[in-house]
Amino acid sequence: MNNLKFYFIIIKLFLKGFRISEIQKIIDDYKYKTMMLEFRSNALLFGFDVNNYTDQEIIEMTNKASKEIAKCGVSGHEAGVAFRQLQQSMIEFKPEFN
């Protein structure tokens, strides 16, 4: 639903006469903000409170972590896939309480 709203906003801006470069900047900003929000929520899921860090600090720390993971022979993409699978299994986990 949110994506649909976003697409309508983009179409509206285009019809109002905004230049393609201005619309592209809006799209890039939206993607960046969405990515950072996703990262922050995933970090909280794993118990890391990153609310005190700026976006730039998070990006720098992620780059450092990616380089350290790569030293083990695992690519950043492979680690990301593994973490997404772990996240999904944690979401689906419903323990029985006695």
N, C-alpha and C. Protein backbone atom coordinates (compact mmCIF):
# COMPACT_ATOMS: atom_id res chain seq x y z
N MET A 1 0.83 -1.19 0.00
CA MET A 1 0.00 0.00 0.00
C MET A 1 0.87 1.26 0.00
N ASN A 2 1.93 1.25 0.83
CA ASN A 2 2.81 2.41 0.87
C ASN A 2 3.50 2.64 -0.46
N ASN A 3 3.92 1.55 -1.12
CA ASN A 3 4.57 1.69 -2.43
C ASN A 3 3.62 2.30 -3.44
N LEU A 4 2.36 1.89 -3.39
CA LEU A 4 1.37 2.43 -4.32
C LEU A 4 1.21 3.93 -4.12
N LYS A 5 1.14 4.35 -2.84
CA LYS A 5 1.05 5.78 -2.54
C LYS A 5 2.27 6.52 -3.08
N PHE A 6 3.43 5.92 -2.89
CA PHE A 6 4.67 6.55 -3.34
C PHE A 6 4.66 6.72 -4.86
N TYR A 7 4.21 5.69 -5.58
CA TYR A 7 4.16 5.77 -7.04
C TYR A 7 3.19 6.86 -7.50
N PHE A 8 2.07 6.99 -6.81
CA PHE A 8 1.13 8.06 -7.16
C PHE A 8 1.74 9.44 -6.92
N ILE A 9 2.50 9.56 -5.86
CA ILE A 9 3.17 10.84 -5.58
C ILE A 9 4.17 11.16 -6.69
N ILE A 10 4.92 10.17 -7.13
CA ILE A 10 5.89 10.37 -8.21
C ILE A 10 5.19 10.79 -9.49
N ILE A 11 4.09 10.10 -9.81
CA ILE A 11 3.33 10.47 -11.01
C ILE A 11 2.80 11.88 -10.90
N LYS A 12 2.30 12.24 -9.74
CA LYS A 12 1.78 13.59 -9.50
C LYS A 12 2.87 14.64 -9.70
N LEU A 13 4.07 14.36 -9.16
CA LEU A 13 5.19 15.30 -9.33
C LEU A 13 5.55 15.44 -10.81
N PHE A 14 5.54 14.32 -11.52
CA PHE A 14 5.85 14.34 -12.95
C PHE A 14 4.84 15.18 -13.71
N LEU A 15 3.57 15.00 -13.38
CA LEU A 15 2.52 15.77 -14.05
C LEU A 15 2.56 17.25 -13.70
N LYS A 16 3.08 17.58 -12.51
CA LYS A 16 3.20 18.98 -12.12
C LYS A 16 4.38 19.67 -12.79
N GLY A 17 5.21 18.90 -13.50
CA GLY A 17 6.30 19.51 -14.24
C GLY A 17 7.66 19.40 -13.60
N PHE A 18 7.79 18.58 -12.57
CA PHE A 18 9.11 18.39 -11.97
C PHE A 18 10.03 17.72 -12.98
N ARG A 19 11.30 18.10 -12.94
CA ARG A 19 12.27 17.48 -13.84
C ARG A 19 12.58 16.06 -13.38
N ILE A 20 13.00 15.24 -14.34
CA ILE A 20 13.33 13.85 -14.04
C ILE A 20 14.42 13.77 -12.98
N SER A 21 15.41 14.67 -13.04
CA SER A 21 16.50 14.65 -12.06
C SER A 21 15.98 14.94 -10.65
N GLU A 22 15.00 15.84 -10.53
CA GLU A 22 14.42 16.13 -9.22
C GLU A 22 13.64 14.93 -8.69
N ILE A 23 12.89 14.28 -9.59
CA ILE A 23 12.12 13.11 -9.20
C ILE A 23 13.06 11.97 -8.81
N GLN A 24 14.16 11.82 -9.56
CA GLN A 24 15.14 10.77 -9.24
C GLN A 24 15.76 11.00 -7.87
N LYS A 25 16.01 12.25 -7.51
CA LYS A 25 16.55 12.56 -6.18
C LYS A 25 15.54 12.19 -5.10
N ILE A 26 14.27 12.45 -5.34
CA ILE A 26 13.23 12.09 -4.38
C ILE A 26 13.17 10.57 -4.22
N ILE A 27 13.25 9.85 -5.33
CA ILE A 27 13.24 8.38 -5.29
C ILE A 27 14.44 7.86 -4.52
N ASP A 28 15.63 8.41 -4.79
CA ASP A 28 16.84 7.97 -4.10
C ASP A 28 16.76 8.24 -2.60
N ASP A 29 16.23 9.42 -2.22
CA ASP A 29 16.05 9.74 -0.81
C ASP A 29 15.10 8.75 -0.14
N TYR A 30 14.02 8.42 -0.83
CA TYR A 30 13.03 7.46 -0.31
C TYR A 30 13.68 6.09 -0.10
N LYS A 31 14.46 5.64 -1.09
CA LYS A 31 15.13 4.34 -0.98
C LYS A 31 16.11 4.34 0.19
N TYR A 32 16.86 5.43 0.34
CA TYR A 32 17.85 5.54 1.41
C TYR A 32 17.16 5.49 2.78
N LYS A 33 16.10 6.28 2.93
CA LYS A 33 15.39 6.31 4.21
C LYS A 33 14.76 4.96 4.53
N THR A 34 14.22 4.30 3.51
CA THR A 34 13.63 2.99 3.70
C THR A 34 14.69 1.98 4.11
N MET A 35 15.86 2.03 3.46
CA MET A 35 16.95 1.12 3.79
C MET A 35 17.41 1.32 5.23
N MET A 36 17.58 2.57 5.64
CA MET A 36 18.05 2.84 7.01
C MET A 36 17.01 2.41 8.04
N LEU A 37 15.73 2.65 7.75
CA LEU A 37 14.68 2.23 8.67
C LEU A 37 14.65 0.71 8.80
N GLU A 38 14.81 0.02 7.68
CA GLU A 38 14.87 -1.44 7.69
C GLU A 38 16.06 -1.94 8.51
N PHE A 39 17.22 -1.30 8.30
CA PHE A 39 18.42 -1.70 9.03
C PHE A 39 18.22 -1.50 10.53
N ARG A 40 17.69 -0.34 10.91
CA ARG A 40 17.49 -0.06 12.33
C ARG A 40 16.52 -1.05 12.96
N SER A 41 15.44 -1.40 12.26
CA SER A 41 14.48 -2.35 12.82
C SER A 41 15.09 -3.76 12.90
N ASN A 42 15.89 -4.14 11.90
CA ASN A 42 16.55 -5.44 11.95
C ASN A 42 17.58 -5.49 13.08
N ALA A 43 18.29 -4.40 13.29
CA ALA A 43 19.27 -4.35 14.36
C ALA A 43 18.57 -4.51 15.72
N LEU A 44 17.42 -3.87 15.88
CA LEU A 44 16.66 -4.02 17.13
C LEU A 44 16.20 -5.45 17.32
N LEU A 45 15.83 -6.11 16.23
CA LEU A 45 15.40 -7.50 16.32
C LEU A 45 16.50 -8.37 16.90
N PHE A 46 17.77 -8.05 16.57
CA PHE A 46 18.91 -8.82 17.07
C PHE A 46 19.46 -8.25 18.37
N GLY A 47 18.80 -7.26 18.94
CA GLY A 47 19.20 -6.74 20.24
C GLY A 47 20.19 -5.60 20.22
N PHE A 48 20.40 -4.98 19.07
CA PHE A 48 21.32 -3.86 18.96
C PHE A 48 20.52 -2.56 18.89
N ASP A 49 20.75 -1.68 19.86
CA ASP A 49 20.08 -0.38 19.85
C ASP A 49 20.97 0.61 19.11
N VAL A 50 20.57 0.97 17.90
CA VAL A 50 21.38 1.86 17.07
C VAL A 50 20.75 3.25 16.95
N ASN A 51 19.78 3.54 17.81
CA ASN A 51 19.11 4.84 17.73
C ASN A 51 20.03 6.01 18.06
N ASN A 52 21.11 5.75 18.79
CA ASN A 52 22.03 6.82 19.18
C ASN A 52 23.06 7.12 18.10
N TYR A 53 23.06 6.35 17.01
CA TYR A 53 24.04 6.53 15.94
C TYR A 53 23.41 7.26 14.76
N THR A 54 24.22 8.06 14.09
CA THR A 54 23.76 8.71 12.87
C THR A 54 23.78 7.70 11.73
N ASP A 55 23.11 8.04 10.65
CA ASP A 55 23.10 7.16 9.48
C ASP A 55 24.52 6.93 8.96
N GLN A 56 25.31 7.97 8.94
CA GLN A 56 26.69 7.85 8.44
C GLN A 56 27.52 6.92 9.32
N GLU A 57 27.34 7.01 10.63
CA GLU A 57 28.07 6.11 11.54
C GLU A 57 27.65 4.66 11.32
N ILE A 58 26.37 4.44 11.09
CA ILE A 58 25.88 3.08 10.84
C ILE A 58 26.48 2.54 9.56
N ILE A 59 26.53 3.36 8.52
CA ILE A 59 27.10 2.92 7.24
C ILE A 59 28.57 2.58 7.41
N GLU A 60 29.32 3.39 8.14
CA GLU A 60 30.74 3.12 8.38
C GLU A 60 30.93 1.82 9.16
N MET A 61 30.11 1.62 10.21
CA MET A 61 30.22 0.40 11.00
C MET A 61 29.85 -0.83 10.16
N THR A 62 28.85 -0.68 9.29
CA THR A 62 28.43 -1.78 8.42
C THR A 62 29.54 -2.13 7.44
N ASN A 63 30.19 -1.12 6.89
CA ASN A 63 31.31 -1.37 5.98
C ASN A 63 32.44 -2.11 6.68
N LYS A 64 32.77 -1.69 7.91
CA LYS A 64 33.82 -2.38 8.68
C LYS A 64 33.43 -3.82 8.96
N ALA A 65 32.18 -4.03 9.37
CA ALA A 65 31.72 -5.39 9.66
C ALA A 65 31.74 -6.25 8.40
N SER A 66 31.37 -5.67 7.28
CA SER A 66 31.37 -6.41 6.02
C SER A 66 32.78 -6.85 5.65
N LYS A 67 33.76 -5.97 5.88
CA LYS A 67 35.15 -6.32 5.59
C LYS A 67 35.63 -7.43 6.50
N GLU A 68 35.23 -7.40 7.77
CA GLU A 68 35.63 -8.44 8.71
C GLU A 68 34.98 -9.78 8.34
N ILE A 69 33.71 -9.74 7.94
CA ILE A 69 33.02 -10.96 7.53
C ILE A 69 33.68 -11.53 6.28
N ALA A 70 34.09 -10.65 5.36
CA ALA A 70 34.73 -11.10 4.11
C ALA A 70 36.05 -11.80 4.40
N LYS A 71 36.74 -11.43 5.48
CA LYS A 71 37.99 -12.09 5.84
C LYS A 71 37.77 -13.56 6.17
N CYS A 72 36.55 -13.89 6.59
CA CYS A 72 36.22 -15.29 6.92
C CYS A 72 35.87 -16.09 5.67
N GLY A 73 35.82 -15.45 4.54
CA GLY A 73 35.49 -16.14 3.29
C GLY A 73 34.02 -16.09 2.94
N VAL A 74 33.25 -15.29 3.64
CA VAL A 74 31.82 -15.15 3.37
C VAL A 74 31.59 -13.77 2.77
N SER A 75 30.84 -13.73 1.67
CA SER A 75 30.56 -12.43 1.07
C SER A 75 29.47 -11.72 1.86
N GLY A 76 29.41 -10.42 1.70
CA GLY A 76 28.37 -9.64 2.36
C GLY A 76 26.98 -10.09 1.96
N HIS A 77 26.84 -10.46 0.69
CA HIS A 77 25.54 -10.93 0.20
C HIS A 77 25.14 -12.24 0.87
N GLU A 78 26.08 -13.17 0.97
CA GLU A 78 25.80 -14.45 1.62
C GLU A 78 25.43 -14.26 3.09
N ALA A 79 26.15 -13.36 3.76
CA ALA A 79 25.84 -13.08 5.17
C ALA A 79 24.46 -12.44 5.29
N GLY A 80 24.14 -11.55 4.37
CA GLY A 80 22.82 -10.90 4.39
C GLY A 80 21.70 -11.90 4.20
N VAL A 81 21.90 -12.83 3.27
CA VAL A 81 20.89 -13.88 3.04
C VAL A 81 20.73 -14.72 4.30
N ALA A 82 21.84 -15.09 4.92
CA ALA A 82 21.78 -15.91 6.14
C ALA A 82 21.07 -15.16 7.27
N PHE A 83 21.37 -13.87 7.42
CA PHE A 83 20.72 -13.09 8.48
C PHE A 83 19.23 -12.92 8.20
N ARG A 84 18.84 -12.75 6.92
CA ARG A 84 17.43 -12.65 6.58
C ARG A 84 16.69 -13.95 6.90
N GLN A 85 17.33 -15.08 6.61
CA GLN A 85 16.73 -16.38 6.92
C GLN A 85 16.59 -16.54 8.43
N LEU A 86 17.61 -16.12 9.17
CA LEU A 86 17.55 -16.19 10.63
C LEU A 86 16.45 -15.29 11.15
N GLN A 87 16.34 -14.10 10.60
CA GLN A 87 15.29 -13.17 11.02
C GLN A 87 13.92 -13.78 10.77
N GLN A 88 13.72 -14.37 9.60
CA GLN A 88 12.43 -14.96 9.26
C GLN A 88 12.10 -16.11 10.20
N SER A 89 13.09 -16.94 10.52
CA SER A 89 12.84 -18.06 11.42
C SER A 89 12.52 -17.55 12.83
N MET A 90 13.13 -16.43 13.23
CA MET A 90 12.83 -15.87 14.55
C MET A 90 11.41 -15.29 14.59
N ILE A 91 10.98 -14.71 13.49
CA ILE A 91 9.63 -14.16 13.42
C ILE A 91 8.59 -15.28 13.48
N GLU A 92 8.88 -16.38 12.77
CA GLU A 92 7.94 -17.48 12.71
C GLU A 92 7.98 -18.36 13.96
N PHE A 93 8.99 -18.23 14.80
CA PHE A 93 9.14 -19.07 15.99
C PHE A 93 8.08 -18.70 17.01
N LYS A 94 7.28 -19.69 17.37
CA LYS A 94 6.24 -19.48 18.36
C LYS A 94 6.35 -20.56 19.43
N PRO A 95 7.10 -20.28 20.47
CA PRO A 95 7.31 -21.31 21.50
C PRO A 95 6.02 -21.59 22.27
N GLU A 96 5.90 -22.80 22.74
CA GLU A 96 4.76 -23.17 23.56
C GLU A 96 5.06 -22.81 25.00
N PHE A 97 4.15 -22.09 25.61
CA PHE A 97 4.31 -21.74 27.01
C PHE A 97 3.42 -22.64 27.84
N ASN A 98 4.02 -23.29 28.80
CA ASN A 98 3.27 -24.23 29.65
C ASN A 98 2.83 -23.57 30.91
